[in-house]
Amino acid sequence: MRILHTTEFYDPHAGGNLAIQRISEGLVRRGHSVTVATTFLSERTSAEIAGVKIEPFRIRGSLVKGIRGDVARYQQCLLEGDFDVVTNFFADIWTTDLTFGVLDRIRGARVLATPCLSKLARPTHRRYFYSNYLDALAKYDRVVYL
């Protein structure tokens, strides 16, 4: 299977999620092709880590804070990447938020996996969660809350 995982940070960034890294590398060991769409980091010296392909993007922000960078190239990757599965990890980050606008055009299965909604009660995030996020949920094939 061709799988795309999206997350704001990935190895070698200290904020990269170890669980996503382990899932990605485990799927590679099982014979799947895994790509991680993530933030460009100048200290990342390879386009592949433990068999996981890294697709870096010079993008920052979220729908709440505003998004800056190469949005068109990222959305083109989502739509033209020919992935069997696209998994967005976390909410209120650019990798997930930019997927919302093209979710209904992604050919593969669409999965949202988020560990928590800690910002749900914040007044600054009310519109995000009660509009953008709710509208997008109906377009995912699976939603996983941890």
Protein backbone atom coordinates (compact mmCIF):
# COMPACT_ATOMS: atom_id res chain seq x y z
CA MET A 1 0.00 0.00 0.00
CA ARG A 2 1.08 3.60 -0.60
CA ILE A 3 0.52 5.58 2.59
CA LEU A 4 0.87 9.29 3.34
CA HIS A 5 1.17 10.44 6.94
CA THR A 6 0.95 14.16 7.63
CA THR A 7 2.36 15.79 10.74
CA GLU A 8 3.80 19.20 11.48
CA PHE A 9 7.11 17.83 12.77
CA TYR A 10 9.01 14.63 12.14
CA ASP A 11 12.48 13.34 12.89
CA PRO A 12 14.96 14.92 13.58
CA HIS A 13 12.84 17.68 15.17
CA ALA A 14 12.58 17.31 18.95
CA GLY A 15 8.84 17.98 18.68
CA GLY A 16 8.40 15.13 16.21
CA ASN A 17 5.98 12.53 17.47
CA LEU A 18 7.73 9.24 18.27
CA ALA A 19 4.47 7.28 17.86
CA ILE A 20 4.06 8.50 14.26
CA GLN A 21 7.67 7.61 13.55
CA ARG A 22 7.22 4.10 14.95
CA ILE A 23 3.98 3.56 13.03
CA SER A 24 5.57 4.80 9.79
CA GLU A 25 8.71 2.70 10.17
CA GLY A 26 6.67 -0.36 11.20
CA LEU A 27 4.52 -0.09 8.08
CA VAL A 28 7.68 0.15 5.94
CA ARG A 29 9.04 -3.03 7.57
CA ARG A 30 5.77 -4.74 6.60
CA GLY A 31 6.36 -3.84 2.95
CA HIS A 32 4.30 -0.66 2.58
CA SER A 33 5.52 2.55 0.95
CA VAL A 34 5.22 5.35 3.53
CA THR A 35 5.73 9.05 2.92
CA VAL A 36 5.56 11.69 5.65
CA ALA A 37 4.53 15.21 4.64
CA THR A 38 6.02 17.55 7.21
CA THR A 39 7.74 20.87 7.82
CA PHE A 40 11.03 21.54 6.04
CA LEU A 41 13.96 21.47 8.47
CA SER A 42 17.42 22.58 7.39
CA GLU A 43 18.99 20.09 9.83
CA ARG A 44 17.28 17.12 8.12
CA THR A 45 20.01 15.72 5.89
CA SER A 46 18.14 12.92 4.13
CA ALA A 47 14.96 12.56 2.09
CA GLU A 48 14.47 9.15 3.69
CA ILE A 49 14.68 8.01 7.31
CA ALA A 50 14.56 4.27 8.07
CA GLY A 51 12.77 3.62 4.79
CA VAL A 52 10.19 6.39 5.32
CA LYS A 53 10.22 8.99 2.53
CA ILE A 54 10.16 12.58 3.79
CA GLU A 55 8.29 15.20 1.75
CA PRO A 56 9.22 18.57 3.29
CA PHE A 57 7.19 21.74 2.88
CA ARG A 58 8.05 25.32 3.75
CA ILE A 59 4.75 26.02 5.46
CA ARG A 60 3.91 27.32 8.95
CA GLY A 61 0.75 28.03 10.93
CA SER A 62 -2.82 26.81 11.22
CA LEU A 63 -6.29 27.98 10.24
CA VAL A 64 -6.55 29.73 13.63
CA LYS A 65 -3.21 31.57 13.40
CA GLY A 66 -3.02 31.89 9.63
CA ILE A 67 -1.01 29.77 7.22
CA ARG A 68 2.06 30.93 5.28
CA GLY A 69 4.05 29.07 2.68
CA ASP A 70 3.75 26.81 -0.33
CA VAL A 71 0.12 25.77 0.18
CA ALA A 72 -0.50 24.89 -3.48
CA ARG A 73 2.40 22.41 -3.63
CA TYR A 74 1.20 20.65 -0.46
CA GLN A 75 -2.37 20.32 -1.69
CA GLN A 76 -1.06 19.11 -5.05
CA CYS A 77 0.85 16.37 -3.18
CA LEU A 78 -2.38 15.32 -1.44
CA LEU A 79 -4.33 15.18 -4.69
CA GLU A 80 -1.76 13.84 -7.12
CA GLY A 81 0.26 11.57 -4.84
CA ASP A 82 -1.85 8.52 -5.70
CA PHE A 83 -1.89 7.32 -2.08
CA ASP A 84 -4.10 4.45 -0.97
CA VAL A 85 -4.41 6.04 2.49
CA VAL A 86 -3.86 9.60 3.71
CA THR A 87 -3.64 9.94 7.49
CA ASN A 88 -3.65 13.36 9.14
CA PHE A 89 -2.18 13.29 12.64
CA PHE A 90 -3.36 16.01 15.06
CA ALA A 91 -5.70 18.95 14.60
CA ASP A 92 -5.05 22.70 14.45
CA ILE A 93 -1.80 22.31 12.49
CA TRP A 94 -1.13 23.23 8.87
CA THR A 95 -0.78 19.65 7.60
CA THR A 96 -4.32 18.79 8.70
CA ASP A 97 -5.93 22.19 8.22
CA LEU A 98 -4.82 22.44 4.59
CA THR A 99 -6.21 18.97 3.93
CA PHE A 100 -9.72 20.11 4.91
CA GLY A 101 -10.11 22.13 1.70
CA VAL A 102 -9.34 19.19 -0.59
CA LEU A 103 -10.63 16.22 1.45
CA ASP A 104 -13.49 15.43 -0.90
CA ARG A 105 -11.05 15.22 -3.85
CA ILE A 106 -8.48 12.87 -2.26
CA ARG A 107 -8.70 9.50 -4.02
CA GLY A 108 -7.43 7.26 -1.22
CA ALA A 109 -8.97 6.49 2.14
CA ARG A 110 -8.91 9.49 4.47
CA VAL A 111 -8.08 9.07 8.16
CA LEU A 112 -7.84 11.62 10.97
CA ALA A 113 -5.91 10.47 14.03
CA THR A 114 -5.68 12.93 16.87
CA PRO A 115 -4.68 12.30 20.49
CA CYS A 116 -6.73 15.07 22.03
CA LEU A 117 -8.66 18.24 21.47
CA SER A 118 -7.04 20.25 24.25
CA LYS A 119 -7.84 23.60 22.61
CA LEU A 120 -11.55 22.84 22.19
CA ALA A 121 -12.66 25.12 25.05
CA ARG A 122 -10.51 28.10 24.01
CA PRO A 123 -12.56 31.03 22.68
CA THR A 124 -9.87 31.59 20.02
CA HIS A 125 -10.58 28.11 18.63
CA ARG A 126 -14.39 28.12 18.80
CA ARG A 127 -14.88 28.81 15.08
CA TYR A 128 -12.18 26.29 14.12
CA PHE A 129 -13.69 23.38 16.04
CA TYR A 130 -17.36 24.21 15.58
CA SER A 131 -17.13 25.04 11.90
CA ASN A 132 -13.98 24.01 9.97
CA TYR A 133 -13.30 20.87 12.01
CA LEU A 134 -16.90 19.64 12.21
CA ASP A 135 -17.42 20.17 8.49
CA ALA A 136 -14.26 18.20 7.71
CA LEU A 137 -15.08 15.26 10.01
CA ALA A 138 -17.90 14.12 7.73
CA LYS A 139 -15.44 13.81 4.83
CA TYR A 140 -13.04 11.42 6.59
CA ASP A 141 -13.48 7.67 6.15
CA ARG A 142 -12.18 6.99 9.66
CA VAL A 143 -11.53 9.14 12.72
CA VAL A 144 -9.32 7.86 15.53
CA TYR A 145 -9.24 9.60 18.92
CA LEU A 146 -6.62 8.51 21.40
